[in-house]
Amino acid sequence: MFELRHQPLKTVYLLYSVVSILFVRLPFWVVSSLVPAWRPRPTWPLSRTVIVYGLQAFVSIAFSIGSFSGDDAEKSSKDADKLGFVWVEPVPAELLKGEVASIAATNKVEPVRRHGYWYGKGVGGGSHGGKAQPDEKVLYHFHGGGYIVGTTGSASPAAQTGPAMADLVGHFSPVLDRAFCMGYRISSSPPFKAANPFPAALLDALAGYRYLVETLGFKPNNIILCGDSAGGHLAFTLARYLTQESFPSLLPPGALILLSPTVDWGCTHDDDAGCSMTRNKSSDFVEHFLHSGYTARSLRGSLPAESTEKNSWLSPASLRIDTRGLYANFPPTYLMAGGAEQTLDPVKTLHNRLVADNNAESIIYLEYPDATHDFVFTTFQEPERTEASKELARWVGSLYDTK
C-alpha cells in the first residue's frame, strides 16, 4: 500500500497504468463482457460493467501512489457565490460531552472553523445561505470517500457530490429546494502525516448542524440528515450524538437517510467465506478502503488497535460489540444499499440493530439487487439511481405530510 508514492516511481507507474488500461485492460474488459453471463451481474449493461472494472483499477492505483485530495476552502471562498460556499464557525467546548469528548481528548482533536456548500435555491444569485423561511425544510448532507478523500465542492477535482446532489434536490421539490453539504476534515495516518482522527469529522458535522439551527434558524425537526458511504457513517454518528446527549438548543433532526453507509471499519463481517465483501468482489470497488486498514488507522488515531472492532462510534455495525439500547430514540430512518456492494452485510446488521432499538415502522430498508456501493451518487447506475431518488423524495414527503 502506497509503495509507489515517491518519484520517479510514481510517474512511471502512472504512465504504465494509463497505457495498460487504454490498450490492454480496456479492450479485455469489453471483449470479456460481451456475453451477459460473463459480467459480474448478467443484468448489467456492458457500459456499467466496464465502468466498474475501471473504478476497481482507479482505486487500486490510488492506494499504490497515495493520490488522495480534499477541499481547498480558501480557493473556493474566492468564488463563494458561484459555488454556494460559506464558512462555518466551530462548536463551543460545552457541546463536547461523554465518550466523544473523552476520545477527542485522547486524540487531541479540537473544534475548528470549517466550511460548506449550498446546492439549489439561491446559489449563483447572491442569496445562498439565507435565513430559513417559516417551516422550511433542508437536506444536510455528508459526502463519501472513506474519510480520506473527497469534498462537497462542485468545482473541485475531488468532488463526487456536486451533480448528483443538485439532481437529488430537484427530486425532493416541493418538500425542500436547497441542501447544505458540510466540508468536514478528512483523516490521514502513516506513511503520511497523521491528522484529523475521530471525532474531527463529527465535530465538523455538529458545527454544520449548529449553523443551520442557530445561525439560519432551521427547526431541528425540519432538517433531514443524509450521508453516502463514509458520509452515511458520519450522518448516523451525528444523529446518535444528538439523540444521546440531548442538547436543549440542538434537538435531533426530523429524519435520517443513510445511502450505502460504511459502518464496520473493523471488517468484522468479513471472516465468513460467504460475506458480501467476498461474494461481491467482482461487482464493487471498495475493498481497498476497508481491507487496507488505512481508514481504520486514520480514524483510530491514538486509540488502541482493537477500537475499530470494539468501539460503537467507529464501527456501529461491528459484530464484536453488544449495541442493545445504544441506538434508541432515533429519528425516522431510511437505509438504502445495493445488492452488488461489498459493504452490504454491515448495512443489514445496522438496520436490524436500529429496528431492535426503535419502532420498526420508522426504520426503512430498501435494497436494489444489482446496484453497487453508493449507487445514488454514481451517475452511471440507472435506472436504480433515479428510482431511489424518487423513492427518498416520496418518503420525505410522507413524513412531513403527517406532521
Protein backbone atom coordinates (compact mmCIF):
# COMPACT_ATOMS: atom_id res chain seq x y z
CA MET A 1 0.00 0.00 0.00
CA PHE A 2 1.33 3.42 -1.08
CA GLU A 3 4.59 1.70 -2.04
CA LEU A 4 4.84 3.78 -5.22
CA ARG A 5 4.13 7.20 -3.73
CA HIS A 6 7.66 8.55 -4.29
CA GLN A 7 9.08 9.94 -7.51
CA PRO A 8 10.17 8.79 -10.04
CA LEU A 9 8.33 5.50 -9.40
CA LYS A 10 5.01 7.34 -9.07
CA THR A 11 5.21 8.87 -12.54
CA VAL A 12 6.48 5.68 -14.15
CA TYR A 13 3.66 3.67 -12.57
CA LEU A 14 1.03 6.21 -13.63
CA LEU A 15 2.25 6.14 -17.22
CA TYR A 16 2.28 2.36 -17.18
CA SER A 17 -1.24 2.29 -15.73
CA VAL A 18 -2.67 4.69 -18.32
CA VAL A 19 -1.12 2.79 -21.22
CA SER A 20 -2.11 -0.63 -19.90
CA ILE A 21 -5.69 0.46 -19.22
CA LEU A 22 -6.18 2.08 -22.61
CA PHE A 23 -4.51 -0.55 -24.76
CA VAL A 24 -4.71 -3.78 -22.78
CA ARG A 25 -7.22 -3.85 -19.95
CA LEU A 26 -9.99 -1.79 -21.54
CA PRO A 27 -10.15 -3.97 -24.69
CA PHE A 28 -10.05 -7.05 -22.49
CA TRP A 29 -12.87 -5.76 -20.29
CA VAL A 30 -15.03 -5.08 -23.33
CA VAL A 31 -14.41 -8.42 -25.04
CA SER A 32 -14.75 -10.43 -21.83
CA SER A 33 -18.08 -8.73 -21.09
CA LEU A 34 -19.75 -9.08 -24.47
CA VAL A 35 -21.76 -12.04 -23.21
CA PRO A 36 -24.06 -11.01 -20.31
CA ALA A 37 -23.36 -14.26 -18.44
CA TRP A 38 -19.69 -13.28 -18.21
CA ARG A 39 -20.42 -9.99 -16.40
CA PRO A 40 -20.42 -9.59 -12.59
CA ARG A 41 -24.20 -9.24 -12.90
CA PRO A 42 -25.88 -10.64 -16.04
CA THR A 43 -28.45 -7.85 -15.82
CA TRP A 44 -25.81 -5.15 -16.13
CA PRO A 45 -25.33 -3.35 -19.44
CA LEU A 46 -21.87 -3.50 -20.95
CA SER A 47 -21.22 0.13 -20.05
CA ARG A 48 -21.79 -0.41 -16.32
CA THR A 49 -19.56 -3.47 -16.33
CA VAL A 50 -16.67 -1.60 -17.94
CA ILE A 51 -17.10 1.41 -15.64
CA VAL A 52 -16.99 -0.79 -12.53
CA TYR A 53 -13.83 -2.51 -13.79
CA GLY A 54 -12.38 0.94 -14.40
CA LEU A 55 -13.26 2.07 -10.88
CA GLN A 56 -11.59 -1.02 -9.46
CA ALA A 57 -8.43 -0.15 -11.38
CA PHE A 58 -8.59 3.51 -10.32
CA VAL A 59 -8.93 2.67 -6.62
CA SER A 60 -6.04 0.20 -6.86
CA ILE A 61 -3.86 2.88 -8.45
CA ALA A 62 -4.82 5.41 -5.76
CA PHE A 63 -3.81 3.03 -2.99
CA SER A 64 -0.49 2.38 -4.71
CA ILE A 65 0.54 6.02 -5.09
CA GLY A 66 -1.45 7.67 -2.31
CA SER A 67 -3.30 10.01 -4.61
CA PHE A 68 -5.85 11.48 -2.23
CA SER A 69 -7.12 15.03 -2.26
CA GLY A 70 -9.60 17.09 -0.35
CA ASP A 71 -11.05 20.57 -0.49
CA ASP A 72 -9.28 23.91 -1.00
CA ALA A 73 -11.50 26.12 1.12
CA GLU A 74 -9.53 29.31 0.62
CA LYS A 75 -9.73 28.92 -3.15
CA SER A 76 -13.45 28.15 -3.04
CA SER A 77 -14.12 31.16 -0.80
CA LYS A 78 -12.94 33.47 -3.61
CA ASP A 79 -15.81 32.25 -5.78
CA ALA A 80 -18.32 31.83 -2.97
CA ASP A 81 -21.47 32.93 -4.79
CA LYS A 82 -20.95 30.64 -7.77
CA LEU A 83 -20.10 27.64 -5.57
CA GLY A 84 -22.56 28.31 -2.73
CA PHE A 85 -19.61 28.46 -0.33
CA VAL A 86 -19.92 29.57 3.32
CA TRP A 87 -17.65 29.48 6.36
CA VAL A 88 -18.89 27.59 9.43
CA GLU A 89 -17.71 28.52 12.91
CA PRO A 90 -16.50 25.82 15.34
CA VAL A 91 -18.74 24.45 18.06
CA PRO A 92 -18.16 25.71 21.62
CA ALA A 93 -16.41 23.41 24.07
CA GLU A 94 -19.60 22.80 26.06
CA LEU A 95 -21.02 20.78 23.15
CA LEU A 96 -18.34 18.11 23.63
CA LYS A 97 -19.71 15.56 26.06
CA GLY A 98 -19.47 11.93 27.12
CA GLU A 99 -17.36 9.33 25.36
CA VAL A 100 -16.90 11.56 22.32
CA ALA A 101 -15.28 14.24 24.50
CA SER A 102 -13.03 11.60 26.04
CA ILE A 103 -11.92 10.32 22.63
CA ALA A 104 -11.35 13.89 21.44
CA ALA A 105 -9.02 14.45 24.39
CA THR A 106 -7.14 11.22 23.69
CA ASN A 107 -6.74 12.07 20.00
CA LYS A 108 -6.06 15.77 20.68
CA VAL A 109 -8.94 16.81 18.40
CA GLU A 110 -10.42 20.27 18.82
CA PRO A 111 -13.25 22.15 17.08
CA VAL A 112 -12.03 24.31 14.18
CA ARG A 113 -13.51 26.68 11.65
CA ARG A 114 -14.71 24.77 8.59
CA HIS A 115 -16.89 25.42 5.56
CA GLY A 116 -19.72 24.04 3.48
CA TYR A 117 -21.53 24.36 0.16
CA TRP A 118 -25.14 25.10 -0.65
CA TYR A 119 -26.99 23.47 -3.53
CA GLY A 120 -30.29 24.55 -5.01
CA LYS A 121 -32.16 27.79 -4.40
CA GLY A 122 -30.05 30.92 -4.11
CA VAL A 123 -26.76 29.55 -5.42
CA GLY A 124 -25.37 31.83 -8.10
CA GLY A 125 -27.89 34.53 -7.33
CA GLY A 126 -26.23 36.07 -4.32
CA SER A 127 -28.66 34.68 -1.75
CA HIS A 128 -27.27 31.24 -0.86
CA GLY A 129 -27.09 30.56 2.85
CA GLY A 130 -30.04 32.81 3.61
CA LYS A 131 -32.13 32.57 6.77
CA ALA A 132 -34.67 29.77 6.93
CA GLN A 133 -38.17 30.62 5.80
CA PRO A 134 -41.07 29.73 8.14
CA ASP A 135 -41.23 25.92 8.42
CA GLU A 136 -38.65 25.48 5.62
CA LYS A 137 -37.07 22.03 5.27
CA VAL A 138 -33.43 21.44 4.36
CA LEU A 139 -31.29 18.47 3.39
CA TYR A 140 -28.00 18.32 5.35
CA HIS A 141 -25.58 16.01 3.55
CA PHE A 142 -22.14 14.43 4.10
CA HIS A 143 -20.10 13.15 1.16
CA GLY A 144 -18.37 9.78 0.92
CA GLY A 145 -14.72 8.98 0.31
CA GLY A 146 -13.69 6.66 3.12
CA TYR A 147 -12.90 9.67 5.36
CA ILE A 148 -9.60 10.00 3.44
CA VAL A 149 -10.64 11.74 0.22
CA GLY A 150 -13.41 13.84 -1.23
CA THR A 151 -15.15 17.16 -1.00
CA THR A 152 -18.62 18.60 -1.43
CA GLY A 153 -17.44 21.48 -3.61
CA SER A 154 -18.64 21.02 -7.18
CA ALA A 155 -15.62 22.83 -8.67
CA SER A 156 -13.01 20.60 -7.07
CA PRO A 157 -11.40 17.73 -8.99
CA ALA A 158 -12.06 15.58 -5.92
CA ALA A 159 -15.80 16.28 -5.86
CA GLN A 160 -18.16 13.35 -6.16
CA THR A 161 -21.22 15.05 -4.77
CA GLY A 162 -21.99 18.05 -6.98
CA PRO A 163 -24.07 16.87 -9.96
CA ALA A 164 -25.80 14.10 -8.02
CA MET A 165 -26.65 16.44 -5.14
CA ALA A 166 -28.17 19.03 -7.45
CA ASP A 167 -30.23 16.27 -9.05
CA LEU A 168 -31.34 14.92 -5.67
CA VAL A 169 -32.52 18.36 -4.55
CA GLY A 170 -34.57 18.56 -7.74
CA HIS A 171 -36.32 15.30 -6.90
CA PHE A 172 -37.09 16.50 -3.37
CA SER A 173 -39.06 19.51 -4.59
CA PRO A 174 -41.53 20.77 -3.38
CA VAL A 175 -40.69 19.46 0.11
CA LEU A 176 -37.39 21.35 0.02
CA ASP A 177 -35.44 23.35 -2.53
CA ARG A 178 -31.93 23.52 -1.10
CA ALA A 179 -29.30 21.35 0.55
CA PHE A 180 -26.25 22.10 2.65
CA CYS A 181 -23.15 19.91 2.35
CA MET A 182 -20.51 20.14 5.07
CA GLY A 183 -16.82 20.15 4.24
CA TYR A 184 -15.63 18.05 7.15
CA ARG A 185 -11.99 17.26 7.89
CA ILE A 186 -10.56 14.21 6.14
CA SER A 187 -8.21 11.89 8.03
CA SER A 188 -4.73 10.54 7.37
CA SER A 189 -2.09 8.36 9.02
CA PRO A 190 1.41 6.97 8.27
CA PRO A 191 3.07 6.81 5.83
CA PHE A 192 1.51 10.28 5.50
CA LYS A 193 1.22 12.87 8.24
CA ALA A 194 -1.29 11.74 10.86
CA ALA A 195 -4.19 14.17 11.03
CA ASN A 196 -7.85 14.51 11.97
CA PRO A 197 -8.73 11.21 13.69
CA PHE A 198 -12.17 10.66 15.20
CA PRO A 199 -14.07 12.72 16.26
CA ALA A 200 -12.76 15.50 13.98
CA ALA A 201 -15.37 14.91 11.27
CA LEU A 202 -18.13 14.55 13.88
CA LEU A 203 -17.25 17.92 15.45
CA ASP A 204 -17.37 19.50 12.00
CA ALA A 205 -20.73 17.85 11.29
CA LEU A 206 -22.02 19.15 14.63
CA ALA A 207 -20.80 22.64 13.71
CA GLY A 208 -22.75 22.48 10.46
CA TYR A 209 -25.88 21.38 12.32
CA ARG A 210 -25.46 24.25 14.78
CA TYR A 211 -25.01 26.64 11.83
CA LEU A 212 -28.33 25.51 10.34
CA VAL A 213 -30.21 25.72 13.63
CA GLU A 214 -28.71 28.69 15.47
CA THR A 215 -27.38 30.86 12.64
CA LEU A 216 -30.00 30.30 9.94
CA GLY A 217 -32.96 29.41 12.15
CA PHE A 218 -33.97 25.98 10.81
CA LYS A 219 -36.06 23.96 13.21
CA PRO A 220 -34.24 20.69 14.03
CA ASN A 221 -37.37 18.75 13.06
CA ASN A 222 -37.13 20.28 9.58
CA ILE A 223 -33.56 19.06 8.99
CA ILE A 224 -33.10 15.81 7.05
CA LEU A 225 -29.67 14.36 7.76
CA CYS A 226 -28.19 12.44 4.83
CA GLY A 227 -24.89 10.79 4.01
CA ASP A 228 -23.44 8.40 1.46
CA SER A 229 -20.74 5.78 2.14
CA ALA A 230 -18.41 7.16 4.85
CA GLY A 231 -20.73 10.17 4.92
CA GLY A 232 -23.51 7.77 5.87
CA HIS A 233 -21.45 6.68 8.86
CA LEU A 234 -20.97 10.35 9.77
CA ALA A 235 -24.69 11.13 9.45
CA PHE A 236 -25.52 8.14 11.66
CA THR A 237 -22.92 9.18 14.23
CA LEU A 238 -24.21 12.76 14.35
CA ALA A 239 -27.81 11.56 14.77
CA ARG A 240 -26.71 9.27 17.59
CA TYR A 241 -24.72 12.01 19.31
CA LEU A 242 -27.59 14.50 19.17
CA THR A 243 -30.05 11.87 20.42
CA GLN A 244 -27.80 10.54 23.17
CA GLU A 245 -26.50 13.81 24.61
CA SER A 246 -29.83 15.71 24.49
CA PHE A 247 -28.71 19.30 23.87
CA PRO A 248 -31.65 21.65 24.58
CA SER A 249 -30.53 24.03 21.83
CA LEU A 250 -29.79 21.29 19.28
CA LEU A 251 -32.59 18.76 19.26
CA PRO A 252 -32.33 15.70 16.97
CA PRO A 253 -33.19 16.01 13.26
CA GLY A 254 -36.53 15.19 11.71
CA ALA A 255 -35.25 12.33 9.53
CA LEU A 256 -32.13 10.39 8.63
CA ILE A 257 -31.12 8.99 5.21
CA LEU A 258 -28.23 6.51 5.02
CA LEU A 259 -27.05 5.64 1.50
CA SER A 260 -24.69 2.65 1.42
CA PRO A 261 -23.31 3.66 4.83
CA THR A 262 -19.89 2.23 5.70
CA VAL A 263 -20.45 1.13 9.28
CA ASP A 264 -17.95 -1.65 10.02
CA TRP A 265 -14.44 -0.24 9.66
CA GLY A 266 -13.20 -3.20 11.70
CA CYS A 267 -14.35 -5.57 8.90
CA THR A 268 -15.86 -7.94 11.46
CA HIS A 269 -18.32 -9.33 8.90
CA ASP A 270 -15.56 -10.49 6.59
CA ASP A 271 -14.50 -13.64 8.46
CA ASP A 272 -17.29 -15.61 6.79
CA ALA A 273 -16.30 -17.00 3.39
CA GLY A 274 -19.76 -16.11 2.08
CA CYS A 275 -19.66 -12.49 3.23
CA SER A 276 -20.63 -9.66 0.89
CA MET A 277 -17.04 -8.43 0.79
CA THR A 278 -16.08 -11.71 -0.88
CA ARG A 279 -19.15 -12.63 -2.89
CA ASN A 280 -19.41 -9.14 -4.40
CA LYS A 281 -15.70 -8.70 -5.07
CA SER A 282 -16.17 -8.59 -8.85
CA SER A 283 -19.14 -6.22 -8.75
CA ASP A 284 -17.83 -3.47 -6.47
CA PHE A 285 -14.77 -1.31 -5.93
CA VAL A 286 -14.36 -0.52 -2.21
CA GLU A 287 -12.22 -3.37 -0.88
CA HIS A 288 -9.03 -1.29 -0.60
CA PHE A 289 -10.78 1.26 1.61
CA LEU A 290 -11.68 -1.46 4.09
CA HIS A 291 -9.06 -4.18 3.88
CA SER A 292 -6.03 -1.90 3.60
CA GLY A 293 -6.79 -0.76 7.14
CA TYR A 294 -5.78 2.78 6.22
CA THR A 295 -9.09 4.45 7.04
CA ALA A 296 -9.35 2.42 10.24
CA ARG A 297 -5.91 3.59 11.39
CA SER A 298 -6.60 7.16 10.33
CA LEU A 299 -9.87 7.29 12.28
CA ARG A 300 -8.49 5.44 15.30
CA GLY A 301 -5.67 7.88 15.97
CA SER A 302 -4.19 7.18 19.41
CA LEU A 303 -6.91 4.72 20.41
CA PRO A 304 -5.99 1.05 20.86
CA ALA A 305 -5.84 -1.07 17.68
CA GLU A 306 -8.92 -3.08 18.66
CA SER A 307 -11.04 0.09 18.83
CA THR A 308 -12.14 -0.18 15.20
CA GLU A 309 -13.76 -3.51 16.07
CA LYS A 310 -14.93 -2.75 19.61
CA ASN A 311 -15.94 0.91 19.62
CA SER A 312 -19.52 1.58 18.53
CA TRP A 313 -18.70 5.13 17.42
CA LEU A 314 -16.16 3.87 14.90
CA SER A 315 -17.98 0.71 13.81
CA PRO A 316 -21.65 0.82 14.85
CA ALA A 317 -22.38 -2.45 12.98
CA SER A 318 -19.39 -4.36 14.39
CA LEU A 319 -20.14 -7.96 15.31
CA ARG A 320 -17.71 -7.69 18.24
CA ILE A 321 -19.91 -5.39 20.33
CA ASP A 322 -23.31 -5.52 22.01
CA THR A 323 -25.21 -2.41 20.95
CA ARG A 324 -28.56 -3.16 22.58
CA GLY A 325 -30.09 0.15 23.63
CA LEU A 326 -27.33 2.31 22.14
CA TYR A 327 -29.34 3.37 19.09
CA ALA A 328 -32.67 4.10 20.74
CA ASN A 329 -34.81 7.18 20.04
CA PHE A 330 -33.52 7.63 16.50
CA PRO A 331 -35.50 9.79 14.08
CA PRO A 332 -37.32 8.08 11.18
CA THR A 333 -34.54 6.47 9.16
CA TYR A 334 -34.23 5.21 5.60
CA LEU A 335 -31.31 2.90 4.75
CA MET A 336 -30.53 2.12 1.11
CA ALA A 337 -27.98 -0.34 -0.22
CA GLY A 338 -27.08 -2.23 -3.37
CA GLY A 339 -27.18 -6.00 -3.55
CA ALA A 340 -23.91 -5.94 -5.53
CA GLU A 341 -21.93 -3.93 -2.98
CA GLN A 342 -19.20 -5.30 -0.75
CA THR A 343 -20.36 -3.48 2.40
CA LEU A 344 -23.90 -4.88 2.20
CA ASP A 345 -23.75 -7.19 5.23
CA PRO A 346 -22.89 -4.45 7.76
CA VAL A 347 -25.71 -2.27 6.42
CA LYS A 348 -28.16 -5.10 7.09
CA THR A 349 -26.75 -5.52 10.59
CA LEU A 350 -27.17 -1.82 11.31
CA HIS A 351 -30.74 -1.95 10.05
CA ASN A 352 -31.52 -4.85 12.38
CA ARG A 353 -30.00 -3.00 15.34
CA LEU A 354 -31.99 0.14 14.64
CA VAL A 355 -35.18 -1.88 14.37
CA ALA A 356 -34.41 -3.60 17.69
CA ASP A 357 -33.96 -0.26 19.48
CA ASN A 358 -36.77 1.72 17.84
CA ASN A 359 -40.24 1.49 16.39
CA ALA A 360 -39.77 -0.92 13.49
CA GLU A 361 -42.17 1.06 11.30
CA SER A 362 -39.91 4.13 11.49
CA ILE A 363 -36.82 2.28 10.21
CA ILE A 364 -36.99 1.54 6.47
CA TYR A 365 -34.56 -0.59 4.47
CA LEU A 366 -34.53 -0.89 0.69
CA GLU A 367 -32.05 -2.89 -1.37
CA TYR A 368 -31.56 -2.58 -5.13
CA PRO A 369 -30.38 -6.09 -6.12
CA ASP A 370 -27.92 -5.20 -8.88
CA ALA A 371 -26.63 -1.82 -7.66
CA THR A 372 -23.09 -1.30 -6.39
CA HIS A 373 -21.83 0.72 -3.45
CA ASP A 374 -23.07 4.32 -3.28
CA PHE A 375 -25.19 3.97 -6.41
CA VAL A 376 -27.31 7.04 -5.67
CA PHE A 377 -24.19 9.19 -6.04
CA THR A 378 -22.66 7.39 -9.01
CA THR A 379 -24.43 8.72 -12.05
CA PHE A 380 -23.88 5.71 -14.35
CA GLN A 381 -26.22 3.45 -12.35
CA GLU A 382 -29.58 3.90 -13.97
CA PRO A 383 -32.46 3.31 -13.57
CA GLU A 384 -31.71 2.48 -9.92
CA ARG A 385 -30.28 5.90 -9.13
CA THR A 386 -33.33 7.84 -10.34
CA GLU A 387 -35.77 5.33 -8.86
CA ALA A 388 -34.03 5.60 -5.48
CA SER A 389 -34.05 9.40 -5.57
CA LYS A 390 -37.78 9.44 -6.29
CA GLU A 391 -38.42 6.91 -3.51
CA LEU A 392 -36.50 9.01 -0.99
CA ALA A 393 -38.41 12.11 -2.05
CA ARG A 394 -41.70 10.22 -1.65
CA TRP A 395 -40.69 9.06 1.85
CA VAL A 396 -39.60 12.51 3.00
CA GLY A 397 -42.81 13.97 1.63
CA SER A 398 -44.86 11.41 3.56
CA LEU A 399 -43.08 12.29 6.80
CA TYR A 400 -43.86 15.97 6.59
CA ASP A 401 -47.39 15.46 5.23
CA THR A 402 -48.24 13.74 8.53
CA LYS A 403 -46.71 16.30 10.88
